[in-house]
Amino acid sequence: MSTRVEEQLRAEIVEAGRRMYARGYVASNDGNISARLDDSRLLTTPKSVSKGFMTPDMMVVVDLDGRKVAGDREASSELPMHLEIYRNRPDVNAVVHAHPPMATGFAVAGIPLTRAVLAEVITTLGSIPIAEYGTPSTAELPEAVRKYIKAHDGMLLANHGAVTCGPSVMAAYYKMETIEHFAHISLVARLLRREHLISADEVERV
């Protein structure tokens, strides 16, 4: 990958992190973002840094086994989850993990976002399942994600947060926005006790 393309990728990760922080999807040093550099390397956010205040030079380059190749800092402790997604999804070029409050509330409550109520969500994400709980930064979390990632671009993580993936950093980030937006609307509809589902026939049309 050319230096120019890598610089652009670093800038996109910084921008996605800034938006995550500004929207309250992460607090303190939470969350992480990664992207493919090429067939053998990934670019990932560093640990112990607020995603709202990153700079391009902070990024860490790792191989597909998670070994650091370049960078002054250490890679995010959630890197194994990202690696699992890339291993199972060769079409994916970026992964975003955050703790958006509404969506994470559903994850804590054990309620998946699988009801067909918004056409936009059906077309961009389909259903949004919950991966069972896995202790953060351990092999349990990648194992939980593995069960769903081949069929889903976004999922909730039980008692943890959410993870999304896509063909680019911003595409993966926008899917995180969609999950949080959907969670907010779903909560309001359920509080109003008037959640009308889209028919199965309409889902097929969409």
Protein backbone atom coordinates (compact mmCIF):
# COMPACT_ATOMS: atom_id res chain seq x y z
CA MET A 1 0.00 0.00 0.00
CA SER A 2 1.29 3.45 -0.90
CA THR A 3 2.25 5.92 1.78
CA ARG A 4 -0.49 8.26 0.57
CA VAL A 5 -3.19 5.61 0.92
CA GLU A 6 -1.94 4.65 4.38
CA GLU A 7 -2.00 8.29 5.45
CA GLN A 8 -5.59 8.55 4.26
CA LEU A 9 -6.53 5.42 6.20
CA ARG A 10 -4.95 6.78 9.38
CA ALA A 11 -6.89 10.01 8.91
CA GLU A 12 -10.16 8.11 8.46
CA ILE A 13 -9.60 6.18 11.70
CA VAL A 14 -8.91 9.42 13.55
CA GLU A 15 -12.10 10.95 12.12
CA ALA A 16 -14.24 7.91 12.97
CA GLY A 17 -12.84 7.98 16.51
CA ARG A 18 -13.60 11.68 16.83
CA ARG A 19 -17.20 11.11 15.75
CA MET A 20 -17.62 8.17 18.12
CA TYR A 21 -16.42 10.29 21.04
CA ALA A 22 -18.48 13.33 20.03
CA ARG A 23 -21.66 11.25 19.82
CA GLY A 24 -21.04 9.60 23.16
CA TYR A 25 -20.55 6.12 21.74
CA VAL A 26 -17.41 5.79 23.88
CA ALA A 27 -16.17 7.25 27.15
CA SER A 28 -12.66 7.60 28.49
CA ASN A 29 -10.40 5.26 26.49
CA ASP A 30 -13.16 2.87 25.39
CA GLY A 31 -13.64 1.51 21.88
CA ASN A 32 -11.34 0.57 19.06
CA ILE A 33 -11.09 0.76 15.27
CA SER A 34 -9.03 -1.21 12.77
CA ALA A 35 -8.56 -1.39 9.02
CA ARG A 36 -6.75 -3.57 6.49
CA LEU A 37 -3.54 -2.12 5.15
CA ASP A 38 -2.96 -5.02 2.78
CA ASP A 39 -3.24 -8.82 2.69
CA SER A 40 -0.91 -9.28 5.65
CA ARG A 41 -1.21 -6.17 7.85
CA LEU A 42 -3.78 -4.20 9.79
CA LEU A 43 -3.81 -0.66 11.13
CA THR A 44 -5.39 -0.37 14.57
CA THR A 45 -6.03 2.15 17.31
CA PRO A 46 -3.71 2.11 20.34
CA LYS A 47 -4.70 1.15 23.87
CA SER A 48 -5.16 3.72 26.63
CA VAL A 49 -5.97 6.63 24.32
CA SER A 50 -9.30 8.47 24.05
CA LYS A 51 -10.78 7.91 20.61
CA GLY A 52 -11.76 11.56 20.51
CA PHE A 53 -8.18 12.81 20.76
CA MET A 54 -6.12 10.49 18.56
CA THR A 55 -3.59 11.60 15.96
CA PRO A 56 -2.59 9.64 12.85
CA ASP A 57 0.88 8.83 14.21
CA MET A 58 -0.63 6.98 17.19
CA MET A 59 -1.85 4.06 15.06
CA VAL A 60 -0.25 0.64 15.38
CA VAL A 61 0.52 -1.70 12.50
CA VAL A 62 0.08 -5.41 13.26
CA ASP A 63 0.18 -8.62 11.25
CA LEU A 64 -2.80 -10.98 10.99
CA ASP A 65 -1.63 -12.84 14.09
CA GLY A 66 -1.73 -9.63 16.11
CA ARG A 67 2.05 -9.13 16.34
CA LYS A 68 3.16 -5.50 16.25
CA VAL A 69 4.99 -4.56 13.06
CA ALA A 70 5.28 -0.81 13.55
CA GLY A 71 4.23 1.96 15.92
CA ASP A 72 5.34 3.51 19.19
CA ARG A 73 2.30 2.35 21.16
CA GLU A 74 0.62 -0.98 21.91
CA ALA A 75 -2.41 -2.17 19.98
CA SER A 76 -5.87 -2.24 21.50
CA SER A 77 -6.49 -5.12 23.90
CA GLU A 78 -9.62 -5.97 21.89
CA LEU A 79 -7.54 -6.70 18.77
CA PRO A 80 -8.28 -10.49 18.93
CA MET A 81 -11.97 -9.76 18.24
CA HIS A 82 -11.03 -7.71 15.19
CA LEU A 83 -8.69 -10.43 13.94
CA GLU A 84 -11.46 -13.00 14.24
CA ILE A 85 -13.72 -10.88 12.08
CA TYR A 86 -11.08 -10.43 9.38
CA ARG A 87 -10.35 -14.17 9.37
CA ASN A 88 -13.99 -14.98 8.78
CA ARG A 89 -14.82 -12.11 6.45
CA PRO A 90 -12.33 -11.56 3.61
CA ASP A 91 -14.71 -8.93 2.22
CA VAL A 92 -14.34 -6.77 5.34
CA ASN A 93 -11.76 -3.97 5.35
CA ALA A 94 -12.60 -2.24 8.64
CA VAL A 95 -14.01 -3.00 12.09
CA VAL A 96 -15.46 -0.60 14.68
CA HIS A 97 -16.19 -1.44 18.32
CA ALA A 98 -17.93 0.96 20.69
CA HIS A 99 -20.32 1.20 23.64
CA PRO A 100 -23.20 3.33 22.31
CA PRO A 101 -25.57 3.80 25.28
CA MET A 102 -28.92 2.85 23.73
CA ALA A 103 -27.63 -0.19 21.88
CA THR A 104 -25.55 -1.27 24.87
CA GLY A 105 -28.67 -0.97 27.02
CA PHE A 106 -30.35 -3.53 24.77
CA ALA A 107 -27.23 -5.71 25.00
CA VAL A 108 -27.29 -5.54 28.80
CA ALA A 109 -31.01 -6.35 28.83
CA GLY A 110 -30.41 -9.33 26.53
CA ILE A 111 -32.75 -7.98 23.84
CA PRO A 112 -31.52 -8.33 20.23
CA LEU A 113 -32.50 -5.74 17.64
CA THR A 114 -34.06 -8.27 15.31
CA ARG A 115 -37.58 -6.92 14.78
CA ALA A 116 -38.36 -5.68 11.27
CA VAL A 117 -39.54 -2.12 11.93
CA LEU A 118 -37.29 0.10 9.79
CA ALA A 119 -36.66 -0.50 6.09
CA GLU A 120 -33.33 1.34 6.24
CA VAL A 121 -32.02 -1.05 8.89
CA ILE A 122 -33.23 -4.09 6.96
CA THR A 123 -31.32 -3.00 3.86
CA THR A 124 -28.09 -1.99 5.60
CA LEU A 125 -27.77 -4.45 8.49
CA GLY A 126 -30.64 -6.92 8.42
CA SER A 127 -31.17 -8.19 11.94
CA ILE A 128 -28.80 -7.32 14.77
CA PRO A 129 -28.21 -10.32 17.06
CA ILE A 130 -26.53 -10.48 20.46
CA ALA A 131 -23.28 -12.41 20.76
CA GLU A 132 -23.13 -14.15 24.12
CA TYR A 133 -21.02 -12.66 26.86
CA GLY A 134 -17.26 -13.05 26.64
CA THR A 135 -14.77 -11.48 29.00
CA PRO A 136 -13.23 -8.47 27.21
CA SER A 137 -9.66 -8.93 25.99
CA THR A 138 -9.88 -12.75 26.25
CA ALA A 139 -10.43 -15.53 23.69
CA GLU A 140 -14.05 -15.78 24.84
CA LEU A 141 -15.12 -12.66 22.97
CA PRO A 142 -13.76 -13.64 19.53
CA GLU A 143 -15.38 -17.05 19.98
CA ALA A 144 -18.75 -15.43 20.72
CA VAL A 145 -18.46 -13.12 17.71
CA ARG A 146 -17.47 -15.99 15.40
CA LYS A 147 -20.96 -17.51 15.64
CA TYR A 148 -22.59 -14.52 13.95
CA ILE A 149 -20.04 -12.58 11.93
CA LYS A 150 -20.32 -14.57 8.69
CA ALA A 151 -23.96 -13.55 8.33
CA HIS A 152 -24.04 -10.14 10.03
CA ASP A 153 -22.22 -6.82 9.58
CA GLY A 154 -23.21 -5.65 13.05
CA MET A 155 -24.07 -7.19 16.38
CA LEU A 156 -24.55 -6.40 20.01
CA LEU A 157 -22.12 -7.85 22.54
CA ALA A 158 -23.86 -9.07 25.69
CA ASN A 159 -23.10 -6.80 28.67
CA HIS A 160 -20.46 -5.01 26.63
CA GLY A 161 -21.35 -2.94 23.56
CA ALA A 162 -21.54 -3.36 19.80
CA VAL A 163 -19.28 -4.18 16.87
CA THR A 164 -19.69 -3.41 13.17
CA CYS A 165 -17.68 -4.09 10.04
CA GLY A 166 -17.66 -2.96 6.44
CA PRO A 167 -15.70 -2.34 3.25
CA SER A 168 -14.19 0.88 4.64
CA VAL A 169 -13.63 2.65 7.95
CA MET A 170 -16.47 5.09 7.44
CA ALA A 171 -18.84 2.38 6.20
CA ALA A 172 -18.21 0.40 9.38
CA TYR A 173 -18.63 3.56 11.47
CA TYR A 174 -21.93 4.46 9.79
CA LYS A 175 -23.26 1.01 10.63
CA MET A 176 -22.52 1.76 14.27
CA GLU A 177 -24.55 4.96 13.89
CA THR A 178 -27.38 2.93 12.39
CA ILE A 179 -27.39 0.45 15.27
CA GLU A 180 -27.56 3.22 17.87
CA HIS A 181 -30.25 5.10 15.94
CA PHE A 182 -32.28 1.90 15.60
CA ALA A 183 -31.90 1.15 19.30
CA HIS A 184 -33.14 4.62 20.20
CA ILE A 185 -36.21 4.34 17.97
CA SER A 186 -36.92 0.81 19.19
CA LEU A 187 -36.82 1.94 22.81
CA VAL A 188 -39.25 4.80 22.16
CA ALA A 189 -41.65 2.53 20.26
CA ARG A 190 -41.60 -0.06 23.04
CA LEU A 191 -42.17 2.57 25.70
CA LEU A 192 -45.19 3.74 23.69
CA ARG A 193 -46.33 0.10 23.38
CA ARG A 194 -47.00 0.62 19.68
CA GLU A 195 -44.21 -1.19 17.82
CA HIS A 196 -45.70 -2.06 14.42
CA LEU A 197 -43.69 -4.64 12.45
CA ILE A 198 -43.12 -4.61 8.69
CA SER A 199 -44.80 -7.62 7.10
CA ALA A 200 -42.77 -10.58 5.89
CA ASP A 201 -43.84 -9.85 2.31
CA GLU A 202 -42.63 -6.26 2.61
CA VAL A 203 -39.33 -7.41 4.10
CA GLU A 204 -38.84 -9.56 1.00
CA ARG A 205 -39.64 -6.60 -1.25
CA VAL A 206 -37.17 -4.41 0.62
